[in-house]
Amino acid sequence: IRLGLGLLGLSQSYATTPTKGYSWENDLWSETTINKTASRLILATDNIYSRITPAVKRGMSRLRFLCRLDFSSRIHETPLFKKNRKSCGIGIDGNCFWGIPITEVNRLIEKYKSSIAYRCTYSKKVHLLTRDISTDRIVQGHLKHSLVCSIIAASFNSAHTKCHLSHQTILNAGLSCLRENPRECLGEETYQYYEQGLQSLCA
């Protein structure tokens, strides 16, 4: 990931180091960043904020399940879902309790069952090996980003019925929170990971 070292108090302008999660979106959208972004964008007097993080966790559990199937299918170069300009490959719905409707999960399960991977011994082994990989290492970053933004946007729309909140606006707000307090937003473990990695690049 290409990060401004100024965020970490280092002197160089930019450096490159592997992300801790699957991609930079996984590291950006920590529970703290999600909460800070939501409170910055949504003006509400009810308990709306307390519903966002649990909704993201529920959605991530379904994304983890689907991404494990996707990983096992890639051995045959037939990914379960493909990213394109119009869709992240999965029908994510921020208004859904689980973030992803069960009909969408079932659709992808049926697609997997009709693929070569479903009958392949090696694909089954890959699927088994992904069992112990952490959620933020197995879920693709653009999927987590889409889930988080969809849930925040849906919560915003429930409080501000006459306005629309774009994913780009949510991303900008999240990055602003990160810029203001990277240690708090990333969490100590992730912050230390990047600090040590970037310092070694500058040594």
Protein backbone atom coordinates (compact mmCIF):
# COMPACT_ATOMS: atom_id res chain seq x y z
CA ILE A 1 0.00 0.00 0.00
CA ARG A 2 1.25 3.48 -0.84
CA LEU A 3 0.92 5.57 2.31
CA GLY A 4 1.91 9.11 3.14
CA LEU A 5 4.55 8.67 5.82
CA GLY A 6 3.54 12.01 7.29
CA LEU A 7 0.60 10.14 8.83
CA LEU A 8 3.10 8.21 10.92
CA GLY A 9 5.44 11.10 11.67
CA LEU A 10 8.12 9.92 9.23
CA SER A 11 10.05 12.18 6.91
CA GLN A 12 9.67 10.60 3.47
CA SER A 13 6.74 11.50 1.22
CA TYR A 14 5.71 8.01 0.14
CA ALA A 15 6.75 4.38 0.43
CA THR A 16 5.30 1.01 -0.44
CA THR A 17 4.64 -1.86 1.96
CA PRO A 18 2.25 -4.84 1.92
CA THR A 19 -1.13 -4.26 3.53
CA LYS A 20 -1.97 -6.01 6.77
CA GLY A 21 -5.42 -6.99 5.54
CA TYR A 22 -6.37 -8.27 2.10
CA SER A 23 -6.07 -4.70 0.79
CA TRP A 24 -6.04 -1.13 2.08
CA GLU A 25 -9.83 -0.99 2.44
CA ASN A 26 -9.69 -3.80 5.00
CA ASP A 27 -7.28 -1.78 7.13
CA LEU A 28 -9.04 1.55 6.65
CA TRP A 29 -12.50 0.37 7.67
CA SER A 30 -11.80 -0.63 11.25
CA GLU A 31 -14.62 -0.47 13.79
CA THR A 32 -13.28 2.88 15.01
CA THR A 33 -13.12 4.41 11.52
CA ILE A 34 -16.62 3.16 10.74
CA ASN A 35 -18.04 4.70 13.91
CA LYS A 36 -16.19 7.99 13.46
CA THR A 37 -17.27 8.26 9.84
CA ALA A 38 -20.90 7.50 10.63
CA SER A 39 -21.05 10.01 13.48
CA ARG A 40 -19.49 12.66 11.24
CA LEU A 41 -21.98 12.16 8.42
CA ILE A 42 -25.22 11.23 10.16
CA LEU A 43 -27.08 13.69 12.34
CA ALA A 44 -29.46 11.55 14.36
CA THR A 45 -30.85 11.54 17.86
CA ASP A 46 -31.79 7.87 18.04
CA ASN A 47 -29.65 4.75 18.46
CA ILE A 48 -28.68 4.60 14.79
CA TYR A 49 -24.90 4.44 15.33
CA SER A 50 -25.07 1.35 17.52
CA ARG A 51 -26.68 -0.57 14.65
CA ILE A 52 -23.98 0.10 12.05
CA THR A 53 -21.04 -1.88 13.46
CA PRO A 54 -23.10 -5.03 14.21
CA ALA A 55 -24.55 -4.83 10.69
CA VAL A 56 -21.03 -4.68 9.21
CA LYS A 57 -19.97 -7.67 11.32
CA ARG A 58 -22.96 -9.69 10.13
CA GLY A 59 -22.26 -8.76 6.51
CA MET A 60 -18.58 -9.62 6.87
CA SER A 61 -19.47 -13.10 8.13
CA ARG A 62 -21.40 -13.72 4.90
CA LEU A 63 -18.64 -12.20 2.80
CA ARG A 64 -16.12 -14.47 4.52
CA PHE A 65 -18.22 -17.52 3.62
CA LEU A 66 -18.54 -16.43 -0.03
CA CYS A 67 -14.91 -15.37 -0.40
CA ARG A 68 -13.76 -18.79 0.80
CA LEU A 69 -15.81 -20.34 -2.01
CA ASP A 70 -14.35 -17.80 -4.42
CA PHE A 71 -10.79 -18.65 -3.39
CA SER A 72 -11.35 -22.35 -3.94
CA SER A 73 -12.80 -21.70 -7.41
CA ARG A 74 -9.89 -19.53 -8.58
CA ILE A 75 -7.64 -22.56 -8.96
CA HIS A 76 -9.59 -23.21 -12.16
CA GLU A 77 -9.55 -19.52 -13.17
CA THR A 78 -13.32 -19.43 -12.72
CA PRO A 79 -13.86 -16.96 -9.85
CA LEU A 80 -17.23 -17.06 -8.16
CA PHE A 81 -17.73 -13.33 -8.63
CA LYS A 82 -16.04 -10.73 -10.77
CA LYS A 83 -15.55 -7.05 -10.08
CA ASN A 84 -16.72 -4.69 -12.81
CA ARG A 85 -17.65 -1.06 -13.20
CA LYS A 86 -21.28 -1.49 -12.22
CA SER A 87 -21.05 -4.06 -9.44
CA CYS A 88 -18.65 -5.52 -6.89
CA GLY A 89 -19.84 -8.94 -8.01
CA ILE A 90 -22.19 -9.49 -5.06
CA GLY A 91 -25.61 -7.99 -4.48
CA ILE A 92 -24.82 -6.07 -1.30
CA ASP A 93 -27.78 -4.28 0.29
CA GLY A 94 -27.20 -1.89 3.18
CA ASN A 95 -30.87 -2.10 4.15
CA CYS A 96 -30.67 -5.87 4.62
CA PHE A 97 -30.17 -7.12 8.21
CA TRP A 98 -27.26 -9.30 7.07
CA GLY A 99 -25.89 -6.84 4.49
CA ILE A 100 -26.31 -9.48 1.78
CA PRO A 101 -29.76 -11.02 1.13
CA ILE A 102 -30.01 -14.78 1.59
CA THR A 103 -31.32 -15.03 -1.99
CA GLU A 104 -27.99 -13.61 -3.18
CA VAL A 105 -26.04 -16.04 -1.01
CA ASN A 106 -28.06 -18.95 -2.36
CA ARG A 107 -27.53 -17.75 -5.93
CA LEU A 108 -23.77 -17.80 -5.48
CA ILE A 109 -23.87 -21.18 -3.73
CA GLU A 110 -25.75 -22.65 -6.70
CA LYS A 111 -23.24 -21.05 -9.06
CA TYR A 112 -20.41 -22.65 -7.09
CA LYS A 113 -22.11 -26.05 -7.11
CA SER A 114 -22.33 -25.92 -10.89
CA SER A 115 -18.61 -25.11 -11.25
CA ILE A 116 -15.63 -27.44 -11.66
CA ALA A 117 -14.36 -26.38 -8.23
CA TYR A 118 -17.30 -28.04 -6.47
CA ARG A 119 -16.16 -31.44 -7.76
CA CYS A 120 -12.41 -30.84 -7.57
CA THR A 121 -10.36 -32.40 -4.77
CA TYR A 122 -7.74 -29.64 -4.88
CA SER A 123 -10.39 -26.92 -4.68
CA LYS A 124 -11.85 -28.62 -1.63
CA LYS A 125 -8.41 -28.61 -0.02
CA VAL A 126 -8.01 -24.90 -0.75
CA HIS A 127 -11.40 -24.26 0.79
CA LEU A 128 -10.36 -26.19 3.90
CA LEU A 129 -7.08 -24.28 4.18
CA THR A 130 -8.87 -20.92 4.18
CA ARG A 131 -10.76 -21.92 7.32
CA ASP A 132 -8.16 -20.43 9.68
CA ILE A 133 -7.44 -17.24 7.71
CA SER A 134 -8.72 -14.13 9.46
CA THR A 135 -11.76 -12.38 8.00
CA ASP A 136 -9.87 -9.25 6.93
CA ARG A 137 -7.30 -11.40 5.13
CA ILE A 138 -9.86 -13.43 3.20
CA VAL A 139 -12.52 -10.83 2.34
CA GLN A 140 -11.57 -8.73 -0.66
CA GLY A 141 -11.13 -5.06 0.18
CA HIS A 142 -13.54 -3.69 -2.42
CA LEU A 143 -16.25 -5.96 -1.01
CA LYS A 144 -15.73 -4.73 2.55
CA HIS A 145 -15.68 -1.16 1.29
CA SER A 146 -18.94 -1.65 -0.59
CA LEU A 147 -20.55 -3.29 2.46
CA VAL A 148 -19.48 -0.53 4.86
CA CYS A 149 -20.53 2.27 2.52
CA SER A 150 -23.87 0.62 1.74
CA ILE A 151 -24.71 0.23 5.42
CA ILE A 152 -23.66 3.79 6.32
CA ALA A 153 -25.58 5.16 3.33
CA ALA A 154 -28.69 3.20 4.30
CA SER A 155 -28.45 4.50 7.87
CA PHE A 156 -27.97 8.04 6.56
CA ASN A 157 -31.03 7.73 4.32
CA SER A 158 -33.15 6.56 7.23
CA ALA A 159 -32.25 9.73 9.15
CA HIS A 160 -32.12 12.17 6.21
CA THR A 161 -34.84 11.14 3.79
CA LYS A 162 -34.35 14.08 1.41
CA CYS A 163 -30.61 13.60 0.85
CA HIS A 164 -28.40 11.00 -0.81
CA LEU A 165 -24.97 9.94 0.43
CA SER A 166 -22.53 8.62 -2.16
CA HIS A 167 -19.87 6.00 -1.49
CA GLN A 168 -17.21 8.51 -2.54
CA THR A 169 -18.38 10.96 0.12
CA ILE A 170 -18.25 8.19 2.74
CA LEU A 171 -14.74 7.21 1.62
CA ASN A 172 -13.57 10.83 1.79
CA ALA A 173 -14.95 11.13 5.33
CA GLY A 174 -13.26 7.88 6.35
CA LEU A 175 -9.91 9.01 4.96
CA SER A 176 -10.31 12.32 6.74
CA CYS A 177 -10.81 10.50 10.05
CA LEU A 178 -7.72 8.40 9.34
CA ARG A 179 -5.66 11.47 8.53
CA GLU A 180 -6.65 13.17 11.79
CA ASN A 181 -5.81 10.22 14.04
CA PRO A 182 -4.23 7.24 12.22
CA ARG A 183 -3.23 5.41 15.40
CA GLU A 184 -6.77 5.44 16.77
CA CYS A 185 -8.45 4.62 13.46
CA LEU A 186 -6.13 1.80 12.43
CA GLY A 187 -5.83 0.37 15.92
CA GLU A 188 -2.53 -0.11 17.73
CA GLU A 189 -1.62 -3.45 16.12
CA THR A 190 -2.23 -2.29 12.55
CA TYR A 191 -0.60 1.07 13.23
CA GLN A 192 2.54 -0.62 14.56
CA TYR A 193 2.56 -2.94 11.55
CA TYR A 194 2.73 -0.02 9.13
CA GLU A 195 5.07 2.05 11.29
CA GLN A 196 7.61 -0.77 11.49
CA GLY A 197 7.27 -1.64 7.81
CA LEU A 198 7.68 1.91 6.61
CA GLN A 199 10.53 2.66 8.97
CA SER A 200 12.42 -0.35 7.61
CA LEU A 201 11.95 1.01 4.08
CA CYS A 202 13.43 4.32 5.13
CA ALA A 203 16.36 2.80 7.03
